[in-house]
Full PDB file with SEQRES, HELIX, SHEET, SSBOND, CRYST1, ORIGX, SCALE, CONECT and MASTER records, all heavy atoms in Angstrom:
SEQRES   1 A   26  ALA PHE LYS ARG ARG LEU TYR ASP PRO GLY ALA LEU THR          
SEQRES   2 A   26  VAL GLN GLN PHE ALA ASN ASP PHE PHE PRO LEU ILE LEU          
HELIX    1 AA1 PHE A    2  TYR A    7  1                                   6    
HELIX    2 AA2 PRO A    9  VAL A   14  1                                   6    
HELIX    3 AA3 PHE A   17  PHE A   21  3                                   5    
HELIX    4 AA4 PHE A   22  ILE A   25  1                                   4    
CRYST1    1.000    1.000    1.000  90.00  90.00  90.00 P 1           1          
ORIGX1      1.000000  0.000000  0.000000        0.00000                         
ORIGX2      0.000000  1.000000  0.000000        0.00000                         
ORIGX3      0.000000  0.000000  1.000000        0.00000                         
SCALE1      1.000000  0.000000  0.000000        0.00000                         
SCALE2      0.000000  1.000000  0.000000        0.00000                         
SCALE3      0.000000  0.000000  1.000000        0.00000                         
ATOM      1  N   ALA A   1       7.399   3.695  -3.036  1.00  0.00           N  
ATOM      2  CA  ALA A   1       6.114   3.537  -2.341  1.00  0.00           C  
ATOM      3  C   ALA A   1       5.617   2.132  -2.462  1.00  0.00           C  
ATOM      4  O   ALA A   1       5.042   1.550  -1.429  1.00  0.00           O  
ATOM      5  CB  ALA A   1       5.155   4.476  -2.953  1.00  0.00           C  
ATOM      6  N   PHE A   2       5.756   1.488  -3.542  1.00  0.00           N  
ATOM      7  CA  PHE A   2       5.304   0.061  -3.691  1.00  0.00           C  
ATOM      8  C   PHE A   2       6.096  -0.869  -2.794  1.00  0.00           C  
ATOM      9  O   PHE A   2       5.528  -1.797  -2.209  1.00  0.00           O  
ATOM     10  CB  PHE A   2       5.342  -0.398  -5.137  1.00  0.00           C  
ATOM     11  CG  PHE A   2       4.088  -0.129  -5.981  1.00  0.00           C  
ATOM     12  CD1 PHE A   2       4.165   0.659  -7.091  1.00  0.00           C  
ATOM     13  CD2 PHE A   2       2.869  -0.707  -5.550  1.00  0.00           C  
ATOM     14  CE1 PHE A   2       2.989   0.902  -7.787  1.00  0.00           C  
ATOM     15  CE2 PHE A   2       1.749  -0.446  -6.373  1.00  0.00           C  
ATOM     16  CZ  PHE A   2       1.844   0.310  -7.436  1.00  0.00           C  
ATOM     17  N   LYS A   3       7.408  -0.608  -2.700  1.00  0.00           N  
ATOM     18  CA  LYS A   3       8.219  -1.478  -1.902  1.00  0.00           C  
ATOM     19  C   LYS A   3       7.758  -1.412  -0.439  1.00  0.00           C  
ATOM     20  O   LYS A   3       7.677  -2.429   0.226  1.00  0.00           O  
ATOM     21  CB  LYS A   3       9.731  -1.019  -2.076  1.00  0.00           C  
ATOM     22  CG  LYS A   3      10.588  -1.927  -1.193  1.00  0.00           C  
ATOM     23  CD  LYS A   3      12.078  -1.417  -1.341  1.00  0.00           C  
ATOM     24  CE  LYS A   3      13.009  -2.264  -0.410  1.00  0.00           C  
ATOM     25  NZ  LYS A   3      14.453  -1.881  -0.591  1.00  0.00           N  
ATOM     26  N   ARG A   4       7.455  -0.193   0.026  1.00  0.00           N  
ATOM     27  CA  ARG A   4       7.064   0.017   1.392  1.00  0.00           C  
ATOM     28  C   ARG A   4       5.729  -0.742   1.619  1.00  0.00           C  
ATOM     29  O   ARG A   4       5.514  -1.423   2.615  1.00  0.00           O  
ATOM     30  CB  ARG A   4       6.896   1.411   1.706  1.00  0.00           C  
ATOM     31  CG  ARG A   4       6.373   1.783   3.057  1.00  0.00           C  
ATOM     32  CD  ARG A   4       6.265   3.190   3.457  1.00  0.00           C  
ATOM     33  NE  ARG A   4       5.501   3.436   4.670  1.00  0.00           N  
ATOM     34  CZ  ARG A   4       4.242   3.605   4.696  1.00  0.00           C  
ATOM     35  NH1 ARG A   4       3.519   3.691   3.504  1.00  0.00           N  
ATOM     36  NH2 ARG A   4       3.571   3.752   5.889  1.00  0.00           N  
ATOM     37  N   ARG A   5       4.808  -0.568   0.638  1.00  0.00           N  
ATOM     38  CA  ARG A   5       3.392  -1.177   0.881  1.00  0.00           C  
ATOM     39  C   ARG A   5       3.476  -2.629   0.699  1.00  0.00           C  
ATOM     40  O   ARG A   5       2.556  -3.283   1.288  1.00  0.00           O  
ATOM     41  CB  ARG A   5       2.494  -0.562  -0.218  1.00  0.00           C  
ATOM     42  CG  ARG A   5       2.351   0.949  -0.122  1.00  0.00           C  
ATOM     43  CD  ARG A   5       1.073   1.448  -0.734  1.00  0.00           C  
ATOM     44  NE  ARG A   5       0.999   2.918  -0.704  1.00  0.00           N  
ATOM     45  CZ  ARG A   5       0.710   3.625   0.392  1.00  0.00           C  
ATOM     46  NH1 ARG A   5       0.472   2.992   1.480  1.00  0.00           N  
ATOM     47  NH2 ARG A   5       0.645   4.896   0.402  1.00  0.00           N  
ATOM     48  N   LEU A   6       4.521  -3.198   0.082  1.00  0.00           N  
ATOM     49  CA  LEU A   6       4.517  -4.686  -0.040  1.00  0.00           C  
ATOM     50  C   LEU A   6       5.387  -5.376   1.013  1.00  0.00           C  
ATOM     51  O   LEU A   6       5.153  -6.539   1.302  1.00  0.00           O  
ATOM     52  CB  LEU A   6       5.154  -5.060  -1.429  1.00  0.00           C  
ATOM     53  CG  LEU A   6       4.295  -4.683  -2.652  1.00  0.00           C  
ATOM     54  CD1 LEU A   6       5.069  -4.934  -3.828  1.00  0.00           C  
ATOM     55  CD2 LEU A   6       3.009  -5.452  -2.659  1.00  0.00           C  
ATOM     56  N   TYR A   7       6.235  -4.597   1.736  1.00  0.00           N  
ATOM     57  CA  TYR A   7       7.191  -5.291   2.676  1.00  0.00           C  
ATOM     58  C   TYR A   7       7.180  -4.652   4.066  1.00  0.00           C  
ATOM     59  O   TYR A   7       7.596  -5.308   4.974  1.00  0.00           O  
ATOM     60  CB  TYR A   7       8.586  -5.211   2.136  1.00  0.00           C  
ATOM     61  CG  TYR A   7       8.795  -5.999   0.854  1.00  0.00           C  
ATOM     62  CD1 TYR A   7       8.866  -5.343  -0.396  1.00  0.00           C  
ATOM     63  CD2 TYR A   7       8.891  -7.382   0.796  1.00  0.00           C  
ATOM     64  CE1 TYR A   7       9.057  -5.977  -1.592  1.00  0.00           C  
ATOM     65  CE2 TYR A   7       9.064  -8.083  -0.290  1.00  0.00           C  
ATOM     66  CZ  TYR A   7       9.179  -7.388  -1.567  1.00  0.00           C  
ATOM     67  OH  TYR A   7       9.311  -8.100  -2.647  1.00  0.00           O  
ATOM     68  N   ASP A   8       6.671  -3.405   4.210  1.00  0.00           N  
ATOM     69  CA  ASP A   8       6.719  -2.794   5.517  1.00  0.00           C  
ATOM     70  C   ASP A   8       5.560  -3.398   6.412  1.00  0.00           C  
ATOM     71  O   ASP A   8       4.374  -3.292   6.016  1.00  0.00           O  
ATOM     72  CB  ASP A   8       6.536  -1.300   5.413  1.00  0.00           C  
ATOM     73  CG  ASP A   8       6.635  -0.591   6.823  1.00  0.00           C  
ATOM     74  OD1 ASP A   8       7.792  -0.377   7.218  1.00  0.00           O  
ATOM     75  OD2 ASP A   8       5.589  -0.349   7.407  1.00  0.00           O  
ATOM     76  N   PRO A   9       5.904  -4.006   7.558  1.00  0.00           N  
ATOM     77  CA  PRO A   9       4.842  -4.601   8.390  1.00  0.00           C  
ATOM     78  C   PRO A   9       3.738  -3.596   8.872  1.00  0.00           C  
ATOM     79  O   PRO A   9       2.613  -3.876   8.902  1.00  0.00           O  
ATOM     80  CB  PRO A   9       5.578  -5.154   9.582  1.00  0.00           C  
ATOM     81  CG  PRO A   9       7.049  -5.278   9.156  1.00  0.00           C  
ATOM     82  CD  PRO A   9       7.180  -4.191   8.136  1.00  0.00           C  
ATOM     83  N   GLY A  10       4.197  -2.401   9.160  1.00  0.00           N  
ATOM     84  CA  GLY A  10       3.286  -1.358   9.580  1.00  0.00           C  
ATOM     85  C   GLY A  10       2.270  -1.055   8.535  1.00  0.00           C  
ATOM     86  O   GLY A  10       1.068  -0.853   8.760  1.00  0.00           O  
ATOM     87  N   ALA A  11       2.755  -0.810   7.296  1.00  0.00           N  
ATOM     88  CA  ALA A  11       1.919  -0.529   6.185  1.00  0.00           C  
ATOM     89  C   ALA A  11       0.977  -1.674   5.807  1.00  0.00           C  
ATOM     90  O   ALA A  11      -0.264  -1.449   5.454  1.00  0.00           O  
ATOM     91  CB  ALA A  11       2.799  -0.088   4.952  1.00  0.00           C  
ATOM     92  N   LEU A  12       1.507  -2.909   5.904  1.00  0.00           N  
ATOM     93  CA  LEU A  12       0.616  -4.053   5.511  1.00  0.00           C  
ATOM     94  C   LEU A  12      -0.527  -4.256   6.433  1.00  0.00           C  
ATOM     95  O   LEU A  12      -1.563  -4.707   5.951  1.00  0.00           O  
ATOM     96  CB  LEU A  12       1.515  -5.346   5.624  1.00  0.00           C  
ATOM     97  CG  LEU A  12       2.596  -5.544   4.556  1.00  0.00           C  
ATOM     98  CD1 LEU A  12       3.534  -6.666   4.846  1.00  0.00           C  
ATOM     99  CD2 LEU A  12       1.828  -5.762   3.187  1.00  0.00           C  
ATOM    100  N   THR A  13      -0.457  -3.750   7.647  1.00  0.00           N  
ATOM    101  CA  THR A  13      -1.566  -4.010   8.541  1.00  0.00           C  
ATOM    102  C   THR A  13      -2.718  -3.014   8.340  1.00  0.00           C  
ATOM    103  O   THR A  13      -3.851  -3.330   8.724  1.00  0.00           O  
ATOM    104  CB  THR A  13      -1.109  -3.876  10.091  1.00  0.00           C  
ATOM    105  OG1 THR A  13      -0.442  -2.634  10.249  1.00  0.00           O  
ATOM    106  CG2 THR A  13      -0.071  -4.950  10.356  1.00  0.00           C  
ATOM    107  N   VAL A  14      -2.523  -1.877   7.807  1.00  0.00           N  
ATOM    108  CA  VAL A  14      -3.581  -0.795   7.731  1.00  0.00           C  
ATOM    109  C   VAL A  14      -3.899  -0.500   6.328  1.00  0.00           C  
ATOM    110  O   VAL A  14      -4.885   0.219   6.083  1.00  0.00           O  
ATOM    111  CB  VAL A  14      -3.065   0.513   8.513  1.00  0.00           C  
ATOM    112  CG1 VAL A  14      -2.900   0.162   9.956  1.00  0.00           C  
ATOM    113  CG2 VAL A  14      -1.790   0.984   7.839  1.00  0.00           C  
ATOM    114  N   GLN A  15      -3.064  -0.815   5.298  1.00  0.00           N  
ATOM    115  CA  GLN A  15      -3.374  -0.334   3.926  1.00  0.00           C  
ATOM    116  C   GLN A  15      -4.586  -0.995   3.326  1.00  0.00           C  
ATOM    117  O   GLN A  15      -5.008  -2.209   3.672  1.00  0.00           O  
ATOM    118  CB  GLN A  15      -2.192  -0.476   3.002  1.00  0.00           C  
ATOM    119  CG  GLN A  15      -1.762  -2.032   2.810  1.00  0.00           C  
ATOM    120  CD  GLN A  15      -0.467  -2.147   2.143  1.00  0.00           C  
ATOM    121  OE1 GLN A  15       0.295  -1.151   1.958  1.00  0.00           O  
ATOM    122  NE2 GLN A  15      -0.038  -3.327   1.813  1.00  0.00           N  
ATOM    123  N   GLN A  16      -5.207  -0.255   2.371  1.00  0.00           N  
ATOM    124  CA  GLN A  16      -6.384  -0.768   1.650  1.00  0.00           C  
ATOM    125  C   GLN A  16      -6.122  -0.584   0.135  1.00  0.00           C  
ATOM    126  O   GLN A  16      -5.439   0.415  -0.225  1.00  0.00           O  
ATOM    127  CB  GLN A  16      -7.623  -0.035   2.089  1.00  0.00           C  
ATOM    128  CG  GLN A  16      -8.032  -0.147   3.565  1.00  0.00           C  
ATOM    129  CD  GLN A  16      -9.123   0.600   3.910  1.00  0.00           C  
ATOM    130  OE1 GLN A  16      -9.438   1.731   3.357  1.00  0.00           O  
ATOM    131  NE2 GLN A  16      -9.889   0.284   5.029  1.00  0.00           N  
ATOM    132  N   PHE A  17      -6.748  -1.483  -0.601  1.00  0.00           N  
ATOM    133  CA  PHE A  17      -6.529  -1.357  -2.080  1.00  0.00           C  
ATOM    134  C   PHE A  17      -7.046  -0.015  -2.590  1.00  0.00           C  
ATOM    135  O   PHE A  17      -6.313   0.619  -3.352  1.00  0.00           O  
ATOM    136  CB  PHE A  17      -7.199  -2.507  -2.790  1.00  0.00           C  
ATOM    137  CG  PHE A  17      -7.051  -2.436  -4.275  1.00  0.00           C  
ATOM    138  CD1 PHE A  17      -5.900  -2.855  -4.932  1.00  0.00           C  
ATOM    139  CD2 PHE A  17      -8.139  -1.903  -5.047  1.00  0.00           C  
ATOM    140  CE1 PHE A  17      -5.812  -2.822  -6.283  1.00  0.00           C  
ATOM    141  CE2 PHE A  17      -7.985  -1.840  -6.430  1.00  0.00           C  
ATOM    142  CZ  PHE A  17      -6.802  -2.260  -7.048  1.00  0.00           C  
ATOM    143  N   ALA A  18      -8.249   0.387  -2.247  1.00  0.00           N  
ATOM    144  CA  ALA A  18      -8.859   1.540  -2.847  1.00  0.00           C  
ATOM    145  C   ALA A  18      -8.113   2.787  -2.454  1.00  0.00           C  
ATOM    146  O   ALA A  18      -8.031   3.779  -3.198  1.00  0.00           O  
ATOM    147  CB  ALA A  18     -10.307   1.611  -2.465  1.00  0.00           C  
ATOM    148  N   ASN A  19      -7.611   2.797  -1.282  1.00  0.00           N  
ATOM    149  CA  ASN A  19      -6.977   4.042  -0.787  1.00  0.00           C  
ATOM    150  C   ASN A  19      -5.491   4.056  -0.937  1.00  0.00           C  
ATOM    151  O   ASN A  19      -4.916   5.242  -1.098  1.00  0.00           O  
ATOM    152  CB  ASN A  19      -7.272   4.166   0.756  1.00  0.00           C  
ATOM    153  CG  ASN A  19      -6.895   5.599   1.291  1.00  0.00           C  
ATOM    154  OD1 ASN A  19      -7.330   6.556   0.778  1.00  0.00           O  
ATOM    155  ND2 ASN A  19      -6.108   5.613   2.297  1.00  0.00           N  
ATOM    156  N   ASP A  20      -4.780   3.016  -1.012  1.00  0.00           N  
ATOM    157  CA  ASP A  20      -3.374   2.903  -1.044  1.00  0.00           C  
ATOM    158  C   ASP A  20      -2.813   2.498  -2.436  1.00  0.00           C  
ATOM    159  O   ASP A  20      -1.748   2.985  -2.831  1.00  0.00           O  
ATOM    160  CB  ASP A  20      -2.763   2.107   0.066  1.00  0.00           C  
ATOM    161  CG  ASP A  20      -3.182   2.637   1.462  1.00  0.00           C  
ATOM    162  OD1 ASP A  20      -2.655   3.711   1.806  1.00  0.00           O  
ATOM    163  OD2 ASP A  20      -4.040   1.986   2.157  1.00  0.00           O  
ATOM    164  N   PHE A  21      -3.450   1.465  -3.043  1.00  0.00           N  
ATOM    165  CA  PHE A  21      -2.818   0.995  -4.226  1.00  0.00           C  
ATOM    166  C   PHE A  21      -3.462   1.580  -5.482  1.00  0.00           C  
ATOM    167  O   PHE A  21      -2.770   1.790  -6.469  1.00  0.00           O  
ATOM    168  CB  PHE A  21      -3.031  -0.618  -4.304  1.00  0.00           C  
ATOM    169  CG  PHE A  21      -2.038  -1.292  -3.462  1.00  0.00           C  
ATOM    170  CD1 PHE A  21      -2.333  -1.758  -2.205  1.00  0.00           C  
ATOM    171  CD2 PHE A  21      -0.747  -1.547  -3.910  1.00  0.00           C  
ATOM    172  CE1 PHE A  21      -1.434  -2.456  -1.403  1.00  0.00           C  
ATOM    173  CE2 PHE A  21       0.158  -2.225  -3.197  1.00  0.00           C  
ATOM    174  CZ  PHE A  21      -0.165  -2.660  -1.939  1.00  0.00           C  
ATOM    175  N   PHE A  22      -4.805   1.740  -5.474  1.00  0.00           N  
ATOM    176  CA  PHE A  22      -5.445   2.259  -6.669  1.00  0.00           C  
ATOM    177  C   PHE A  22      -4.912   3.664  -7.128  1.00  0.00           C  
ATOM    178  O   PHE A  22      -4.706   3.766  -8.391  1.00  0.00           O  
ATOM    179  CB  PHE A  22      -7.004   2.327  -6.416  1.00  0.00           C  
ATOM    180  CG  PHE A  22      -7.802   2.665  -7.663  1.00  0.00           C  
ATOM    181  CD1 PHE A  22      -7.775   1.861  -8.746  1.00  0.00           C  
ATOM    182  CD2 PHE A  22      -8.485   3.866  -7.737  1.00  0.00           C  
ATOM    183  CE1 PHE A  22      -8.509   2.183  -9.895  1.00  0.00           C  
ATOM    184  CE2 PHE A  22      -9.195   4.165  -8.834  1.00  0.00           C  
ATOM    185  CZ  PHE A  22      -9.174   3.329  -9.950  1.00  0.00           C  
ATOM    186  N   PRO A  23      -4.644   4.589  -6.293  1.00  0.00           N  
ATOM    187  CA  PRO A  23      -4.056   5.871  -6.769  1.00  0.00           C  
ATOM    188  C   PRO A  23      -2.723   5.684  -7.413  1.00  0.00           C  
ATOM    189  O   PRO A  23      -2.447   6.320  -8.414  1.00  0.00           O  
ATOM    190  CB  PRO A  23      -3.961   6.665  -5.500  1.00  0.00           C  
ATOM    191  CG  PRO A  23      -4.949   6.030  -4.562  1.00  0.00           C  
ATOM    192  CD  PRO A  23      -4.960   4.688  -4.876  1.00  0.00           C  
ATOM    193  N   LEU A  24      -1.913   4.771  -6.880  1.00  0.00           N  
ATOM    194  CA  LEU A  24      -0.616   4.527  -7.466  1.00  0.00           C  
ATOM    195  C   LEU A  24      -0.707   3.789  -8.867  1.00  0.00           C  
ATOM    196  O   LEU A  24       0.051   4.103  -9.763  1.00  0.00           O  
ATOM    197  CB  LEU A  24       0.266   3.593  -6.591  1.00  0.00           C  
ATOM    198  CG  LEU A  24       0.627   4.279  -5.208  1.00  0.00           C  
ATOM    199  CD1 LEU A  24       1.504   3.347  -4.346  1.00  0.00           C  
ATOM    200  CD2 LEU A  24       1.534   5.515  -5.417  1.00  0.00           C  
ATOM    201  N   ILE A  25      -1.718   2.976  -8.941  1.00  0.00           N  
ATOM    202  CA  ILE A  25      -1.964   2.235 -10.235  1.00  0.00           C  
ATOM    203  C   ILE A  25      -2.380   3.292 -11.323  1.00  0.00           C  
ATOM    204  O   ILE A  25      -1.937   3.169 -12.471  1.00  0.00           O  
ATOM    205  CB  ILE A  25      -3.032   1.168 -10.057  1.00  0.00           C  
ATOM    206  CG1 ILE A  25      -2.445   0.042  -9.185  1.00  0.00           C  
ATOM    207  CG2 ILE A  25      -3.457   0.625 -11.383  1.00  0.00           C  
ATOM    208  CD1 ILE A  25      -3.497  -1.022  -8.796  1.00  0.00           C  
ATOM    209  N   LEU A  26      -3.204   4.182 -10.932  1.00  0.00           N  
ATOM    210  CA  LEU A  26      -3.639   5.245 -11.883  1.00  0.00           C  
ATOM    211  C   LEU A  26      -2.415   6.092 -12.356  1.00  0.00           C  
ATOM    212  O   LEU A  26      -2.260   6.331 -13.580  1.00  0.00           O  
ATOM    213  CB  LEU A  26      -4.715   6.189 -11.221  1.00  0.00           C  
ATOM    214  CG  LEU A  26      -6.126   5.650 -10.993  1.00  0.00           C  
ATOM    215  CD1 LEU A  26      -6.889   6.617 -10.273  1.00  0.00           C  
ATOM    216  CD2 LEU A  26      -6.761   5.236 -12.344  1.00  0.00           C  
TER     217      LEU A  26                                                      
MASTER        0    0    0    4    0    0    0    6  216    1    0    2          
END                                                                             
């Protein structure tokens, strides 16, 4: 999931820290 959020162009354009990264960090 982290790999996709860091390198996928489609994910990079729409992702948000609170909605996409914070749950994974928890």
